[in-house]
Amino acid sequence: MTTPYDVKIAPDAVRQIKSLQPKHKKMILKLADALSINPRPPGANKVEGMTGLYSEVVNHLRIIYKIEDQEILILLIK
């Protein structure tokens, strides 16, 4: 069994999440929970030229996050 990852959200991403509609906030938080179990799910793409950065699209939102050791940092939602 794998150890869950600790998911953190960068301050800029928190501000972006707060500006979203409630249904989109819920989607982002659901994704964060899923990433804590599997940080490289099907559909996640490595960001070219950037070590450890991944991108995933949920509905029309692109989420950029970084995986380091047992921690995931959500950096950007646009």
PDB file of N, CA and C in Angstrom:
ATOM      1  N   MET A   1       0.846  -1.191   0.000  1.00  0.00           N
ATOM      2  CA  MET A   1       0.000   0.000   0.000  1.00  0.00           C
ATOM      3  C   MET A   1       0.883   1.243   0.000  1.00  0.00           C
ATOM      4  N   THR A   2       0.541   2.226  -0.817  1.00  0.00           N
ATOM      5  CA  THR A   2       1.336   3.443  -0.886  1.00  0.00           C
ATOM      6  C   THR A   2       0.887   4.441   0.177  1.00  0.00           C
ATOM      7  N   THR A   3       1.840   5.241   0.604  1.00  0.00           N
ATOM      8  CA  THR A   3       1.551   6.278   1.583  1.00  0.00           C
ATOM      9  C   THR A   3       0.897   7.451   0.873  1.00  0.00           C
ATOM     10  N   PRO A   4      -0.174   8.006   1.437  1.00  0.00           N
ATOM     11  CA  PRO A   4      -0.814   9.162   0.799  1.00  0.00           C
ATOM     12  C   PRO A   4       0.136  10.358   0.728  1.00  0.00           C
ATOM     13  N   TYR A   5      -0.032  11.130  -0.298  1.00  0.00           N
ATOM     14  CA  TYR A   5       0.748  12.351  -0.462  1.00  0.00           C
ATOM     15  C   TYR A   5       0.066  13.477   0.300  1.00  0.00           C
ATOM     16  N   ASP A   6       0.867  14.397   0.809  1.00  0.00           N
ATOM     17  CA  ASP A   6       0.362  15.587   1.488  1.00  0.00           C
ATOM     18  C   ASP A   6       0.130  16.651   0.414  1.00  0.00           C
ATOM     19  N   VAL A   7      -1.104  17.091   0.226  1.00  0.00           N
ATOM     20  CA  VAL A   7      -1.432  18.081  -0.798  1.00  0.00           C
ATOM     21  C   VAL A   7      -1.492  19.464  -0.160  1.00  0.00           C
ATOM     22  N   LYS A   8      -0.717  20.387  -0.717  1.00  0.00           N
ATOM     23  CA  LYS A   8      -0.726  21.772  -0.259  1.00  0.00           C
ATOM     24  C   LYS A   8      -1.119  22.649  -1.442  1.00  0.00           C
ATOM     25  N   ILE A   9      -1.709  23.782  -1.150  1.00  0.00           N
ATOM     26  CA  ILE A   9      -2.141  24.701  -2.202  1.00  0.00           C
ATOM     27  C   ILE A   9      -1.428  26.032  -2.000  1.00  0.00           C
ATOM     28  N   ALA A  10      -0.726  26.469  -3.036  1.00  0.00           N
ATOM     29  CA  ALA A  10       0.012  27.732  -2.986  1.00  0.00           C
ATOM     30  C   ALA A  10      -0.959  28.899  -2.784  1.00  0.00           C
ATOM     31  N   PRO A  11      -0.507  29.975  -2.122  1.00  0.00           N
ATOM     32  CA  PRO A  11      -1.383  31.132  -1.869  1.00  0.00           C
ATOM     33  C   PRO A  11      -2.068  31.682  -3.129  1.00  0.00           C
ATOM     34  N   ASP A  12      -1.348  31.777  -4.247  1.00  0.00           N
ATOM     35  CA  ASP A  12      -1.967  32.274  -5.491  1.00  0.00           C
ATOM     36  C   ASP A  12      -3.079  31.343  -5.948  1.00  0.00           C
ATOM     37  N   ALA A  13      -2.860  30.035  -5.827  1.00  0.00           N
ATOM     38  CA  ALA A  13      -3.885  29.063  -6.221  1.00  0.00           C
ATOM     39  C   ALA A  13      -5.096  29.162  -5.295  1.00  0.00           C
ATOM     40  N   VAL A  14      -4.873  29.418  -4.000  1.00  0.00           N
ATOM     41  CA  VAL A  14      -5.986  29.577  -3.050  1.00  0.00           C
ATOM     42  C   VAL A  14      -6.861  30.750  -3.489  1.00  0.00           C
ATOM     43  N   ARG A  15      -6.220  31.858  -3.863  1.00  0.00           N
ATOM     44  CA  ARG A  15      -6.976  33.031  -4.329  1.00  0.00           C
ATOM     45  C   ARG A  15      -7.770  32.689  -5.590  1.00  0.00           C
ATOM     46  N   GLN A  16      -7.161  31.929  -6.488  1.00  0.00           N
ATOM     47  CA  GLN A  16      -7.844  31.548  -7.717  1.00  0.00           C
ATOM     48  C   GLN A  16      -9.040  30.646  -7.413  1.00  0.00           C
ATOM     49  N   ILE A  17      -8.866  29.719  -6.489  1.00  0.00           N
ATOM     50  CA  ILE A  17      -9.952  28.810  -6.113  1.00  0.00           C
ATOM     51  C   ILE A  17     -11.109  29.597  -5.507  1.00  0.00           C
ATOM     52  N   LYS A  18     -10.800  30.560  -4.639  1.00  0.00           N
ATOM     53  CA  LYS A  18     -11.841  31.360  -3.994  1.00  0.00           C
ATOM     54  C   LYS A  18     -12.687  32.138  -5.002  1.00  0.00           C
ATOM     55  N   SER A  19     -12.094  32.470  -6.150  1.00  0.00           N
ATOM     56  CA  SER A  19     -12.832  33.246  -7.146  1.00  0.00           C
ATOM     57  C   SER A  19     -13.712  32.371  -8.051  1.00  0.00           C
ATOM     58  N   LEU A  20     -13.615  31.061  -7.921  1.00  0.00           N
ATOM     59  CA  LEU A  20     -14.389  30.145  -8.763  1.00  0.00           C
ATOM     60  C   LEU A  20     -15.817  29.982  -8.253  1.00  0.00           C
ATOM     61  N   GLN A  21     -16.685  29.530  -9.146  1.00  0.00           N
ATOM     62  CA  GLN A  21     -18.048  29.177  -8.765  1.00  0.00           C
ATOM     63  C   GLN A  21     -17.990  27.958  -7.834  1.00  0.00           C
ATOM     64  N   PRO A  22     -18.974  27.809  -6.930  1.00  0.00           N
ATOM     65  CA  PRO A  22     -18.963  26.693  -5.978  1.00  0.00           C
ATOM     66  C   PRO A  22     -18.779  25.312  -6.624  1.00  0.00           C
ATOM     67  N   LYS A  23     -19.425  25.049  -7.767  1.00  0.00           N
ATOM     68  CA  LYS A  23     -19.288  23.724  -8.381  1.00  0.00           C
ATOM     69  C   LYS A  23     -17.854  23.490  -8.867  1.00  0.00           C
ATOM     70  N   HIS A  24     -17.165  24.548  -9.319  1.00  0.00           N
ATOM     71  CA  HIS A  24     -15.780  24.401  -9.760  1.00  0.00           C
ATOM     72  C   HIS A  24     -14.843  24.239  -8.568  1.00  0.00           C
ATOM     73  N   LYS A  25     -15.122  24.934  -7.471  1.00  0.00           N
ATOM     74  CA  LYS A  25     -14.331  24.753  -6.243  1.00  0.00           C
ATOM     75  C   LYS A  25     -14.393  23.295  -5.809  1.00  0.00           C
ATOM     76  N   LYS A  26     -15.601  22.736  -5.847  1.00  0.00           N
ATOM     77  CA  LYS A  26     -15.803  21.345  -5.434  1.00  0.00           C
ATOM     78  C   LYS A  26     -14.983  20.395  -6.315  1.00  0.00           C
ATOM     79  N   MET A  27     -14.945  20.655  -7.627  1.00  0.00           N
ATOM     80  CA  MET A  27     -14.163  19.822  -8.547  1.00  0.00           C
ATOM     81  C   MET A  27     -12.674  19.870  -8.215  1.00  0.00           C
ATOM     82  N   ILE A  28     -12.169  21.067  -7.920  1.00  0.00           N
ATOM     83  CA  ILE A  28     -10.752  21.226  -7.608  1.00  0.00           C
ATOM     84  C   ILE A  28     -10.408  20.486  -6.317  1.00  0.00           C
ATOM     85  N   LEU A  29     -11.248  20.615  -5.299  1.00  0.00           N
ATOM     86  CA  LEU A  29     -10.985  19.940  -4.031  1.00  0.00           C
ATOM     87  C   LEU A  29     -11.077  18.425  -4.175  1.00  0.00           C
ATOM     88  N   LYS A  30     -11.984  17.967  -5.020  1.00  0.00           N
ATOM     89  CA  LYS A  30     -12.093  16.530  -5.295  1.00  0.00           C
ATOM     90  C   LYS A  30     -10.819  16.033  -5.987  1.00  0.00           C
ATOM     91  N   LEU A  31     -10.313  16.817  -6.934  1.00  0.00           N
ATOM     92  CA  LEU A  31      -9.064  16.455  -7.602  1.00  0.00           C
ATOM     93  C   LEU A  31      -7.909  16.416  -6.604  1.00  0.00           C
ATOM     94  N   ALA A  32      -7.837  17.397  -5.706  1.00  0.00           N
ATOM     95  CA  ALA A  32      -6.770  17.431  -4.702  1.00  0.00           C
ATOM     96  C   ALA A  32      -6.803  16.160  -3.852  1.00  0.00           C
ATOM     97  N   ASP A  33      -8.000  15.721  -3.459  1.00  0.00           N
ATOM     98  CA  ASP A  33      -8.123  14.476  -2.695  1.00  0.00           C
ATOM     99  C   ASP A  33      -7.614  13.284  -3.508  1.00  0.00           C
ATOM    100  N   ALA A  34      -7.988  13.238  -4.784  1.00  0.00           N
ATOM    101  CA  ALA A  34      -7.561  12.134  -5.649  1.00  0.00           C
ATOM    102  C   ALA A  34      -6.049  12.147  -5.849  1.00  0.00           C
ATOM    103  N   LEU A  35      -5.451  13.340  -5.975  1.00  0.00           N
ATOM    104  CA  LEU A  35      -4.004  13.435  -6.160  1.00  0.00           C
ATOM    105  C   LEU A  35      -3.242  12.941  -4.937  1.00  0.00           C
ATOM    106  N   SER A  36      -3.848  13.045  -3.767  1.00  0.00           N
ATOM    107  CA  SER A  36      -3.169  12.578  -2.551  1.00  0.00           C
ATOM    108  C   SER A  36      -2.967  11.066  -2.590  1.00  0.00           C
ATOM    109  N   ILE A  37      -3.780  10.372  -3.358  1.00  0.00           N
ATOM    110  CA  ILE A  37      -3.668   8.917  -3.483  1.00  0.00           C
ATOM    111  C   ILE A  37      -2.853   8.538  -4.714  1.00  0.00           C
ATOM    112  N   ASN A  38      -3.116   9.212  -5.841  1.00  0.00           N
ATOM    113  CA  ASN A  38      -2.405   8.919  -7.085  1.00  0.00           C
ATOM    114  C   ASN A  38      -2.048  10.238  -7.773  1.00  0.00           C
ATOM    115  N   PRO A  39      -0.809  10.735  -7.579  1.00  0.00           N
ATOM    116  CA  PRO A  39      -0.444  12.028  -8.147  1.00  0.00           C
ATOM    117  C   PRO A  39      -0.204  12.020  -9.656  1.00  0.00           C
ATOM    118  N   ARG A  40      -0.184  10.838 -10.249  1.00  0.00           N
ATOM    119  CA  ARG A  40       0.016  10.746 -11.699  1.00  0.00           C
ATOM    120  C   ARG A  40      -1.116   9.941 -12.331  1.00  0.00           C
ATOM    121  N   PRO A  41      -2.361  10.426 -12.224  1.00  0.00           N
ATOM    122  CA  PRO A  41      -3.496   9.675 -12.775  1.00  0.00           C
ATOM    123  C   PRO A  41      -3.526   9.739 -14.297  1.00  0.00           C
ATOM    124  N   PRO A  42      -4.283   8.839 -14.928  1.00  0.00           N
ATOM    125  CA  PRO A  42      -4.457   8.949 -16.374  1.00  0.00           C
ATOM    126  C   PRO A  42      -5.025  10.327 -16.706  1.00  0.00           C
ATOM    127  N   GLY A  43      -4.489  10.949 -17.724  1.00  0.00           N
ATOM    128  CA  GLY A  43      -4.947  12.288 -18.099  1.00  0.00           C
ATOM    129  C   GLY A  43      -4.034  13.388 -17.606  1.00  0.00           C
ATOM    130  N   ALA A  44      -3.187  13.086 -16.620  1.00  0.00           N
ATOM    131  CA  ALA A  44      -2.225  14.079 -16.147  1.00  0.00           C
ATOM    132  C   ALA A  44      -1.048  14.093 -17.115  1.00  0.00           C
ATOM    133  N   ASN A  45      -0.570  15.259 -17.441  1.00  0.00           N
ATOM    134  CA  ASN A  45       0.533  15.400 -18.391  1.00  0.00           C
ATOM    135  C   ASN A  45       1.709  16.098 -17.738  1.00  0.00           C
ATOM    136  N   LYS A  46       2.918  15.622 -18.026  1.00  0.00           N
ATOM    137  CA  LYS A  46       4.110  16.336 -17.569  1.00  0.00           C
ATOM    138  C   LYS A  46       4.205  17.639 -18.337  1.00  0.00           C
ATOM    139  N   VAL A  47       4.585  18.699 -17.639  1.00  0.00           N
ATOM    140  CA  VAL A  47       4.797  19.985 -18.282  1.00  0.00           C
ATOM    141  C   VAL A  47       6.200  19.943 -18.881  1.00  0.00           C
ATOM    142  N   GLU A  48       6.276  20.075 -20.209  1.00  0.00           N
ATOM    143  CA  GLU A  48       7.552  19.958 -20.894  1.00  0.00           C
ATOM    144  C   GLU A  48       8.551  21.009 -20.421  1.00  0.00           C
ATOM    145  N   GLY A  49       9.777  20.569 -20.206  1.00  0.00           N
ATOM    146  CA  GLY A  49      10.850  21.468 -19.817  1.00  0.00           C
ATOM    147  C   GLY A  49      10.861  21.838 -18.345  1.00  0.00           C
ATOM    148  N   MET A  50       9.934  21.281 -17.550  1.00  0.00           N
ATOM    149  CA  MET A  50       9.859  21.610 -16.127  1.00  0.00           C
ATOM    150  C   MET A  50       9.890  20.312 -15.312  1.00  0.00           C
ATOM    151  N   THR A  51      10.879  20.142 -14.494  1.00  0.00           N
ATOM    152  CA  THR A  51      11.021  18.931 -13.699  1.00  0.00           C
ATOM    153  C   THR A  51       9.971  18.864 -12.605  1.00  0.00           C
ATOM    154  N   GLY A  52       9.242  17.757 -12.569  1.00  0.00           N
ATOM    155  CA  GLY A  52       8.278  17.511 -11.508  1.00  0.00           C
ATOM    156  C   GLY A  52       6.950  18.230 -11.634  1.00  0.00           C
ATOM    157  N   LEU A  53       6.741  18.991 -12.721  1.00  0.00           N
ATOM    158  CA  LEU A  53       5.471  19.701 -12.892  1.00  0.00           C
ATOM    159  C   LEU A  53       4.525  18.890 -13.766  1.00  0.00           C
ATOM    160  N   TYR A  54       3.277  18.852 -13.346  1.00  0.00           N
ATOM    161  CA  TYR A  54       2.235  18.138 -14.069  1.00  0.00           C
ATOM    162  C   TYR A  54       1.046  19.063 -14.284  1.00  0.00           C
ATOM    163  N   SER A  55       0.257  18.727 -15.281  1.00  0.00           N
ATOM    164  CA  SER A  55      -0.908  19.521 -15.626  1.00  0.00           C
ATOM    165  C   SER A  55      -2.089  18.573 -15.817  1.00  0.00           C
ATOM    166  N   GLU A  56      -3.229  18.989 -15.321  1.00  0.00           N
ATOM    167  CA  GLU A  56      -4.449  18.216 -15.531  1.00  0.00           C
ATOM    168  C   GLU A  56      -5.589  19.186 -15.789  1.00  0.00           C
ATOM    169  N   VAL A  57      -6.473  18.798 -16.694  1.00  0.00           N
ATOM    170  CA  VAL A  57      -7.627  19.635 -17.020  1.00  0.00           C
ATOM    171  C   VAL A  57      -8.867  19.009 -16.406  1.00  0.00           C
ATOM    172  N   VAL A  58      -9.610  19.823 -15.653  1.00  0.00           N
ATOM    173  CA  VAL A  58     -10.876  19.406 -15.063  1.00  0.00           C
ATOM    174  C   VAL A  58     -11.918  20.380 -15.576  1.00  0.00           C
ATOM    175  N   ASN A  59     -12.868  19.852 -16.338  1.00  0.00           N
ATOM    176  CA  ASN A  59     -13.853  20.697 -17.014  1.00  0.00           C
ATOM    177  C   ASN A  59     -13.084  21.671 -17.903  1.00  0.00           C
ATOM    178  N   HIS A  60     -13.123  22.942 -17.672  1.00  0.00           N
ATOM    179  CA  HIS A  60     -12.369  23.900 -18.485  1.00  0.00           C
ATOM    180  C   HIS A  60     -11.195  24.493 -17.699  1.00  0.00           C
ATOM    181  N   LEU A  61     -10.904  23.945 -16.522  1.00  0.00           N
ATOM    182  CA  LEU A  61      -9.848  24.480 -15.667  1.00  0.00           C
ATOM    183  C   LEU A  61      -8.568  23.664 -15.805  1.00  0.00           C
ATOM    184  N   ARG A  62      -7.445  24.334 -15.955  1.00  0.00           N
ATOM    185  CA  ARG A  62      -6.146  23.657 -15.999  1.00  0.00           C
ATOM    186  C   ARG A  62      -5.490  23.822 -14.633  1.00  0.00           C
ATOM    187  N   ILE A  63      -5.073  22.707 -14.056  1.00  0.00           N
ATOM    188  CA  ILE A  63      -4.427  22.705 -12.752  1.00  0.00           C
ATOM    189  C   ILE A  63      -2.969  22.313 -12.968  1.00  0.00           C
ATOM    190  N   ILE A  64      -2.059  23.144 -12.478  1.00  0.00           N
ATOM    191  CA  ILE A  64      -0.633  22.867 -12.556  1.00  0.00           C
ATOM    192  C   ILE A  64      -0.177  22.528 -11.146  1.00  0.00           C
ATOM    193  N   TYR A  65       0.525  21.389 -11.011  1.00  0.00           N
ATOM    194  CA  TYR A  65       0.995  21.010  -9.687  1.00  0.00           C
ATOM    195  C   TYR A  65       2.377  20.380  -9.770  1.00  0.00           C
ATOM    196  N   LYS A  66       3.064  20.395  -8.636  1.00  0.00           N
ATOM    197  CA  LYS A  66       4.428  19.877  -8.548  1.00  0.00           C
ATOM    198  C   LYS A  66       4.456  18.733  -7.548  1.00  0.00           C
ATOM    199  N   ILE A  67       5.150  17.668  -7.928  1.00  0.00           N
ATOM    200  CA  ILE A  67       5.300  16.512  -7.038  1.00  0.00           C
ATOM    201  C   ILE A  67       6.736  16.497  -6.523  1.00  0.00           C
ATOM    202  N   GLU A  68       6.883  16.483  -5.199  1.00  0.00           N
ATOM    203  CA  GLU A  68       8.196  16.386  -4.554  1.00  0.00           C
ATOM    204  C   GLU A  68       8.080  15.420  -3.399  1.00  0.00           C
ATOM    205  N   ASP A  69       8.906  14.381  -3.404  1.00  0.00           N
ATOM    206  CA  ASP A  69       8.879  13.369  -2.358  1.00  0.00           C
ATOM    207  C   ASP A  69       7.449  12.908  -2.112  1.00  0.00           C
ATOM    208  N   GLN A  70       6.914  13.098  -0.933  1.00  0.00           N
ATOM    209  CA  GLN A  70       5.536  12.696  -0.603  1.00  0.00           C
ATOM    210  C   GLN A  70       4.630  13.908  -0.483  1.00  0.00           C
ATOM    211  N   GLU A  71       4.952  14.959  -1.231  1.00  0.00           N
ATOM    212  CA  GLU A  71       4.166  16.192  -1.157  1.00  0.00           C
ATOM    213  C   GLU A  71       3.779  16.664  -2.551  1.00  0.00           C
ATOM    214  N   ILE A  72       2.578  17.185  -2.670  1.00  0.00           N
ATOM    215  CA  ILE A  72       2.086  17.768  -3.914  1.00  0.00           C
ATOM    216  C   ILE A  72       1.730  19.217  -3.625  1.00  0.00           C
ATOM    217  N   LEU A  73       2.214  20.122  -4.462  1.00  0.00           N
ATOM    218  CA  LEU A  73       1.899  21.539  -4.305  1.00  0.00           C
ATOM    219  C   LEU A  73       1.124  21.991  -5.529  1.00  0.00           C
ATOM    220  N   ILE A  74      -0.134  22.373  -5.331  1.00  0.00           N
ATOM    221  CA  ILE A  74      -0.950  22.910  -6.417  1.00  0.00           C
ATOM    222  C   ILE A  74      -0.546  24.371  -6.590  1.00  0.00           C
ATOM    223  N   LEU A  75      -0.061  24.704  -7.792  1.00  0.00           N
ATOM    224  CA  LEU A  75       0.514  26.014  -8.035  1.00  0.00           C
ATOM    225  C   LEU A  75      -0.419  26.993  -8.732  1.00  0.00           C
ATOM    226  N   LEU A  76      -1.216  26.491  -9.677  1.00  0.00           N
ATOM    227  CA  LEU A  76      -1.954  27.406 -10.533  1.00  0.00           C
ATOM    228  C   LEU A  76      -3.227  26.752 -11.028  1.00  0.00           C
ATOM    229  N   ILE A  77      -4.273  27.550 -11.084  1.00  0.00           N
ATOM    230  CA  ILE A  77      -5.539  27.116 -11.671  1.00  0.00           C
ATOM    231  C   ILE A  77      -5.943  28.220 -12.631  1.00  0.00           C
ATOM    232  N   LYS A  78      -6.127  27.872 -13.888  1.00  0.00           N
ATOM    233  CA  LYS A  78      -6.547  28.915 -14.848  1.00  0.00           C
ATOM    234  C   LYS A  78      -7.543  28.346 -15.826  1.00  0.00           C
TER     235      LYS A  78
END
